[in-house]
PDB file of N, CA and C in Angstrom:
ATOM      1  N   UNK A   1     -21.694  -5.141 -17.163  1.00  0.00           N
ATOM      2  CA  UNK A   1     -22.734  -5.144 -16.211  1.00  0.00           C
ATOM      3  C   UNK A   1     -22.411  -4.958 -14.830  1.00  0.00           C
ATOM      4  N   UNK A   2     -21.372  -5.609 -14.365  1.00  0.00           N
ATOM      5  CA  UNK A   2     -20.811  -5.507 -12.989  1.00  0.00           C
ATOM      6  C   UNK A   2     -20.177  -4.228 -12.609  1.00  0.00           C
ATOM      7  N   UNK A   3     -19.568  -3.468 -13.489  1.00  0.00           N
ATOM      8  CA  UNK A   3     -19.079  -2.288 -13.342  1.00  0.00           C
ATOM      9  C   UNK A   3     -20.139  -1.052 -12.969  1.00  0.00           C
ATOM     10  N   UNK A   4     -21.405  -1.160 -13.919  1.00  0.00           N
ATOM     11  CA  UNK A   4     -22.188  -0.298 -13.897  1.00  0.00           C
ATOM     12  C   UNK A   4     -23.409  -0.527 -12.991  1.00  0.00           C
ATOM     13  N   UNK A   5     -23.212  -1.513 -12.310  1.00  0.00           N
ATOM     14  CA  UNK A   5     -24.415  -2.245 -11.257  1.00  0.00           C
ATOM     15  C   UNK A   5     -24.457  -1.125 -10.231  1.00  0.00           C
ATOM     16  N   UNK A   6     -25.570  -1.195  -9.489  1.00  0.00           N
ATOM     17  CA  UNK A   6     -25.555  -0.325  -8.235  1.00  0.00           C
ATOM     18  C   UNK A   6     -25.166  -1.412  -7.161  1.00  0.00           C
ATOM     19  N   UNK A   7     -25.169  -2.555  -7.287  1.00  0.00           N
ATOM     20  CA  UNK A   7     -24.562  -3.557  -6.340  1.00  0.00           C
ATOM     21  C   UNK A   7     -23.010  -3.495  -6.153  1.00  0.00           C
ATOM     22  N   UNK A   8     -22.700  -3.021  -4.988  1.00  0.00           N
ATOM     23  CA  UNK A   8     -21.073  -3.224  -4.740  1.00  0.00           C
ATOM     24  C   UNK A   8     -20.928  -4.151  -3.679  1.00  0.00           C
ATOM     25  N   UNK A   9     -20.296  -5.217  -4.211  1.00  0.00           N
ATOM     26  CA  UNK A   9     -20.126  -6.308  -3.084  1.00  0.00           C
ATOM     27  C   UNK A   9     -18.845  -6.306  -2.440  1.00  0.00           C
ATOM     28  N   UNK A  10     -17.932  -5.526  -2.818  1.00  0.00           N
ATOM     29  CA  UNK A  10     -16.606  -5.483  -2.130  1.00  0.00           C
ATOM     30  C   UNK A  10     -16.318  -4.162  -1.378  1.00  0.00           C
ATOM     31  N   UNK A  11     -16.199  -4.203  -0.179  1.00  0.00           N
ATOM     32  CA  UNK A  11     -15.902  -3.178   0.807  1.00  0.00           C
ATOM     33  C   UNK A  11     -14.611  -2.956   1.453  1.00  0.00           C
ATOM     34  N   UNK A  12     -13.907  -1.804   1.538  1.00  0.00           N
ATOM     35  CA  UNK A  12     -12.744  -1.527   2.090  1.00  0.00           C
ATOM     36  C   UNK A  12     -12.739  -1.522   3.479  1.00  0.00           C
ATOM     37  N   UNK A  13     -11.978  -2.525   4.258  1.00  0.00           N
ATOM     38  CA  UNK A  13     -12.091  -2.568   5.809  1.00  0.00           C
ATOM     39  C   UNK A  13     -11.823  -1.309   6.387  1.00  0.00           C
ATOM     40  N   UNK A  14     -10.816  -0.539   5.653  1.00  0.00           N
ATOM     41  CA  UNK A  14     -10.205   0.737   6.418  1.00  0.00           C
ATOM     42  C   UNK A  14     -11.156   1.832   6.601  1.00  0.00           C
ATOM     43  N   UNK A  15     -11.961   2.026   5.102  1.00  0.00           N
ATOM     44  CA  UNK A  15     -12.582   3.386   4.949  1.00  0.00           C
ATOM     45  C   UNK A  15     -14.008   2.988   4.703  1.00  0.00           C
ATOM     46  N   UNK A  16     -14.511   1.672   4.409  1.00  0.00           N
ATOM     47  CA  UNK A  16     -15.854   1.399   4.071  1.00  0.00           C
ATOM     48  C   UNK A  16     -16.337   1.733   2.741  1.00  0.00           C
ATOM     49  N   UNK A  17     -15.460   2.279   1.824  1.00  0.00           N
ATOM     50  CA  UNK A  17     -15.962   2.544   0.663  1.00  0.00           C
ATOM     51  C   UNK A  17     -16.107   1.237  -0.179  1.00  0.00           C
ATOM     52  N   UNK A  18     -17.158   1.176  -1.072  1.00  0.00           N
ATOM     53  CA  UNK A  18     -17.274  -0.086  -1.864  1.00  0.00           C
ATOM     54  C   UNK A  18     -17.008   0.145  -3.403  1.00  0.00           C
ATOM     55  N   UNK A  19     -16.894  -1.294  -3.689  1.00  0.00           N
ATOM     56  CA  UNK A  19     -16.710  -1.436  -5.062  1.00  0.00           C
ATOM     57  C   UNK A  19     -17.185  -2.762  -5.825  1.00  0.00           C
ATOM     58  N   UNK A  20     -17.440  -2.622  -7.138  1.00  0.00           N
ATOM     59  CA  UNK A  20     -18.132  -3.751  -7.848  1.00  0.00           C
ATOM     60  C   UNK A  20     -17.327  -4.862  -7.932  1.00  0.00           C
ATOM     61  N   UNK A  21     -16.092  -4.799  -8.202  1.00  0.00           N
ATOM     62  CA  UNK A  21     -14.950  -5.683  -8.588  1.00  0.00           C
ATOM     63  C   UNK A  21     -13.913  -5.652  -7.595  1.00  0.00           C
ATOM     64  N   UNK A  22     -13.427  -6.918  -7.197  1.00  0.00           N
ATOM     65  CA  UNK A  22     -12.562  -7.214  -6.248  1.00  0.00           C
ATOM     66  C   UNK A  22     -11.068  -6.529  -6.702  1.00  0.00           C
ATOM     67  N   UNK A  23     -10.767  -6.517  -8.069  1.00  0.00           N
ATOM     68  CA  UNK A  23      -9.549  -5.870  -8.492  1.00  0.00           C
ATOM     69  C   UNK A  23      -9.622  -4.297  -8.264  1.00  0.00           C
ATOM     70  N   UNK A  24     -10.743  -3.776  -8.241  1.00  0.00           N
ATOM     71  CA  UNK A  24     -10.827  -2.327  -7.883  1.00  0.00           C
ATOM     72  C   UNK A  24     -10.533  -2.211  -6.389  1.00  0.00           C
ATOM     73  N   UNK A  25     -10.883  -3.047  -5.740  1.00  0.00           N
ATOM     74  CA  UNK A  25     -10.997  -2.956  -4.156  1.00  0.00           C
ATOM     75  C   UNK A  25      -9.396  -3.200  -3.728  1.00  0.00           C
ATOM     76  N   UNK A  26      -8.987  -4.143  -4.387  1.00  0.00           N
ATOM     77  CA  UNK A  26      -7.331  -4.587  -4.091  1.00  0.00           C
ATOM     78  C   UNK A  26      -6.523  -3.410  -4.528  1.00  0.00           C
ATOM     79  N   UNK A  27      -6.783  -2.424  -5.559  1.00  0.00           N
ATOM     80  CA  UNK A  27      -6.134  -1.586  -6.019  1.00  0.00           C
ATOM     81  C   UNK A  27      -6.323  -0.302  -5.072  1.00  0.00           C
ATOM     82  N   UNK A  28      -7.478   0.066  -4.719  1.00  0.00           N
ATOM     83  CA  UNK A  28      -7.836   0.962  -3.500  1.00  0.00           C
ATOM     84  C   UNK A  28      -7.233   0.755  -2.325  1.00  0.00           C
ATOM     85  N   UNK A  29      -7.361  -0.541  -1.834  1.00  0.00           N
ATOM     86  CA  UNK A  29      -6.631  -0.870  -0.439  1.00  0.00           C
ATOM     87  C   UNK A  29      -5.193  -0.469  -0.471  1.00  0.00           C
ATOM     88  N   UNK A  30      -4.330  -0.755  -1.450  1.00  0.00           N
ATOM     89  CA  UNK A  30      -3.020  -0.359  -1.267  1.00  0.00           C
ATOM     90  C   UNK A  30      -2.770   1.217  -1.330  1.00  0.00           C
ATOM     91  N   UNK A  31      -3.626   1.789  -1.964  1.00  0.00           N
ATOM     92  CA  UNK A  31      -3.515   3.304  -1.717  1.00  0.00           C
ATOM     93  C   UNK A  31      -4.255   3.832  -0.516  1.00  0.00           C
ATOM     94  N   UNK A  32      -5.192   3.267   0.044  1.00  0.00           N
ATOM     95  CA  UNK A  32      -5.896   3.560   1.257  1.00  0.00           C
ATOM     96  C   UNK A  32      -4.973   3.482   2.335  1.00  0.00           C
ATOM     97  N   UNK A  33      -4.144   2.119   2.405  1.00  0.00           N
ATOM     98  CA  UNK A  33      -3.331   2.028   3.618  1.00  0.00           C
ATOM     99  C   UNK A  33      -2.181   2.959   3.330  1.00  0.00           C
ATOM    100  N   UNK A  34      -1.818   3.275   2.329  1.00  0.00           N
ATOM    101  CA  UNK A  34      -0.599   4.323   2.146  1.00  0.00           C
ATOM    102  C   UNK A  34      -0.929   5.727   2.760  1.00  0.00           C
ATOM    103  N   UNK A  35      -2.153   6.108   2.387  1.00  0.00           N
ATOM    104  CA  UNK A  35      -2.697   7.499   2.725  1.00  0.00           C
ATOM    105  C   UNK A  35      -2.847   7.359   4.360  1.00  0.00           C
ATOM    106  N   UNK A  36      -3.373   6.191   4.833  1.00  0.00           N
ATOM    107  CA  UNK A  36      -3.507   6.215   6.369  1.00  0.00           C
ATOM    108  C   UNK A  36      -2.148   6.403   7.013  1.00  0.00           C
ATOM    109  N   UNK A  37      -1.359   5.730   6.432  1.00  0.00           N
ATOM    110  CA  UNK A  37       0.108   5.915   6.918  1.00  0.00           C
ATOM    111  C   UNK A  37       0.666   7.179   6.809  1.00  0.00           C
ATOM    112  N   UNK A  38       0.399   7.803   5.780  1.00  0.00           N
ATOM    113  CA  UNK A  38       0.886   9.082   5.600  1.00  0.00           C
ATOM    114  C   UNK A  38       0.255  10.131   6.609  1.00  0.00           C
ATOM    115  N   UNK A  39      -0.954   9.836   6.654  1.00  0.00           N
ATOM    116  CA  UNK A  39      -1.707  11.014   7.592  1.00  0.00           C
ATOM    117  C   UNK A  39      -1.367  10.660   9.183  1.00  0.00           C
ATOM    118  N   UNK A  40      -1.148   9.252   9.625  1.00  0.00           N
ATOM    119  CA  UNK A  40      -0.726   9.025  10.761  1.00  0.00           C
ATOM    120  C   UNK A  40       0.577   9.629  11.076  1.00  0.00           C
ATOM    121  N   UNK A  41       1.471   9.806  10.243  1.00  0.00           N
ATOM    122  CA  UNK A  41       2.904  10.240  10.256  1.00  0.00           C
ATOM    123  C   UNK A  41       2.845  11.635  10.286  1.00  0.00           C
ATOM    124  N   UNK A  42       2.068  12.500   9.746  1.00  0.00           N
ATOM    125  CA  UNK A  42       1.629  13.915   9.660  1.00  0.00           C
ATOM    126  C   UNK A  42       1.145  14.348  11.057  1.00  0.00           C
ATOM    127  N   UNK A  43       0.078  13.548  11.464  1.00  0.00           N
ATOM    128  CA  UNK A  43      -0.297  13.652  12.972  1.00  0.00           C
ATOM    129  C   UNK A  43       0.560  13.490  13.806  1.00  0.00           C
ATOM    130  N   UNK A  44       1.478  12.450  13.860  1.00  0.00           N
ATOM    131  CA  UNK A  44       2.244  12.343  14.743  1.00  0.00           C
ATOM    132  C   UNK A  44       3.438  13.296  14.847  1.00  0.00           C
ATOM    133  N   UNK A  45       3.886  13.662  13.616  1.00  0.00           N
ATOM    134  CA  UNK A  45       4.877  14.757  13.373  1.00  0.00           C
ATOM    135  C   UNK A  45       4.355  16.147  14.192  1.00  0.00           C
ATOM    136  N   UNK A  46       3.135  16.489  13.674  1.00  0.00           N
ATOM    137  CA  UNK A  46       2.536  17.755  14.221  1.00  0.00           C
ATOM    138  C   UNK A  46       2.378  17.744  15.776  1.00  0.00           C
ATOM    139  N   UNK A  47       2.036  16.616  16.264  1.00  0.00           N
ATOM    140  CA  UNK A  47       1.680  16.498  17.657  1.00  0.00           C
ATOM    141  C   UNK A  47       3.301  16.595  18.393  1.00  0.00           C
ATOM    142  N   UNK A  48       4.059  16.032  17.961  1.00  0.00           N
ATOM    143  CA  UNK A  48       5.480  15.894  18.398  1.00  0.00           C
ATOM    144  C   UNK A  48       6.157  17.373  18.328  1.00  0.00           C
ATOM    145  N   UNK A  49       6.136  18.105  17.221  1.00  0.00           N
ATOM    146  CA  UNK A  49       6.674  19.347  17.073  1.00  0.00           C
ATOM    147  C   UNK A  49       5.964  20.335  18.017  1.00  0.00           C
ATOM    148  N   UNK A  50       4.491  20.222  18.096  1.00  0.00           N
ATOM    149  CA  UNK A  50       3.844  21.155  18.995  1.00  0.00           C
ATOM    150  C   UNK A  50       4.207  20.785  20.595  1.00  0.00           C
ATOM    151  N   UNK A  51       4.374  19.794  20.929  1.00  0.00           N
ATOM    152  CA  UNK A  51       4.827  19.610  22.324  1.00  0.00           C
ATOM    153  C   UNK A  51       6.165  19.946  22.600  1.00  0.00           C
ATOM    154  N   UNK A  52       7.048  20.103  21.658  1.00  0.00           N
ATOM    155  CA  UNK A  52       8.370  20.283  21.894  1.00  0.00           C
ATOM    156  C   UNK A  52       8.808  21.665  21.384  1.00  0.00           C
ATOM    157  N   UNK A  53       7.677  22.660  20.728  1.00  0.00           N
ATOM    158  CA  UNK A  53       8.166  23.761  20.368  1.00  0.00           C
ATOM    159  C   UNK A  53       8.559  24.746  21.334  1.00  0.00           C
ATOM    160  N   UNK A  54       9.716  25.303  21.361  1.00  0.00           N
ATOM    161  CA  UNK A  54      10.207  26.094  22.371  1.00  0.00           C
ATOM    162  C   UNK A  54       9.852  27.613  22.134  1.00  0.00           C
ATOM    163  N   UNK A  55       9.441  27.611  21.226  1.00  0.00           N
ATOM    164  CA  UNK A  55       8.793  29.222  20.749  1.00  0.00           C
ATOM    165  C   UNK A  55       7.511  29.477  21.210  1.00  0.00           C
ATOM    166  N   UNK A  56       6.606  28.336  21.741  1.00  0.00           N
ATOM    167  CA  UNK A  56       5.354  28.824  22.311  1.00  0.00           C
ATOM    168  C   UNK A  56       5.453  29.645  23.451  1.00  0.00           C
ATOM    169  N   UNK A  57       4.639  30.282  23.889  1.00  0.00           N
ATOM    170  CA  UNK A  57       4.441  30.916  25.146  1.00  0.00           C
ATOM    171  C   UNK A  57       3.309  30.571  25.792  1.00  0.00           C
ATOM    172  N   UNK A  58       3.434  30.462  27.016  1.00  0.00           N
ATOM    173  CA  UNK A  58       2.428  30.589  27.936  1.00  0.00           C
ATOM    174  C   UNK A  58       2.391  31.412  29.062  1.00  0.00           C
ATOM    175  N   UNK A  59       1.520  31.982  29.439  1.00  0.00           N
ATOM    176  CA  UNK A  59       1.194  33.155  30.323  1.00  0.00           C
ATOM    177  C   UNK A  59       0.813  32.443  31.751  1.00  0.00           C
ATOM    178  N   UNK A  60       1.498  32.497  32.684  1.00  0.00           N
ATOM    179  CA  UNK A  60       0.997  31.926  34.089  1.00  0.00           C
ATOM    180  C   UNK A  60       0.671  33.104  34.526  1.00  0.00           C
ATOM    181  N   UNK A  61      -0.615  33.230  35.269  1.00  0.00           N
ATOM    182  CA  UNK A  61      -1.112  34.056  36.114  1.00  0.00           C
ATOM    183  C   UNK A  61      -1.400  33.709  37.433  1.00  0.00           C
ATOM    184  N   UNK A  62      -0.789  34.330  38.285  1.00  0.00           N
ATOM    185  CA  UNK A  62      -1.192  33.700  39.791  1.00  0.00           C
ATOM    186  C   UNK A  62      -2.593  33.860  40.202  1.00  0.00           C
ATOM    187  N   UNK A  63      -3.135  33.108  40.776  1.00  0.00           N
ATOM    188  CA  UNK A  63      -4.522  33.118  41.333  1.00  0.00           C
ATOM    189  C   UNK A  63      -5.138  34.246  41.749  1.00  0.00           C
ATOM    190  N   UNK A  64      -4.001  35.172  42.612  1.00  0.00           N
ATOM    191  CA  UNK A  64      -4.392  36.453  43.221  1.00  0.00           C
ATOM    192  C   UNK A  64      -4.724  37.624  42.075  1.00  0.00           C
ATOM    193  N   UNK A  65      -3.838  37.332  40.792  1.00  0.00           N
ATOM    194  CA  UNK A  65      -3.890  38.341  39.872  1.00  0.00           C
ATOM    195  C   UNK A  65      -5.014  37.765  38.743  1.00  0.00           C
ATOM    196  N   UNK A  66      -5.883  37.222  38.927  1.00  0.00           N
ATOM    197  CA  UNK A  66      -6.835  36.708  37.799  1.00  0.00           C
ATOM    198  C   UNK A  66      -7.342  37.933  36.958  1.00  0.00           C
ATOM    199  N   UNK A  67      -7.422  37.358  35.673  1.00  0.00           N
ATOM    200  CA  UNK A  67      -7.640  38.280  34.695  1.00  0.00           C
ATOM    201  C   UNK A  67      -9.248  38.428  34.444  1.00  0.00           C
TER     202      UNK A  67
END
């Protein structure tokens, strides 16, 4: 009954997904934290490599030569 009920009493604090059983929430919470940590790592790595990318080119145009 609890599994198929529309009432979901347990909510993930990180992503707000709801669950009918505490055990399902606990299992989800472990995976949710790992996924968020991986996403933060990817975002940090991407931002870091973009900032330090020596191959990027920026064209500086003096004000007198506006495009």
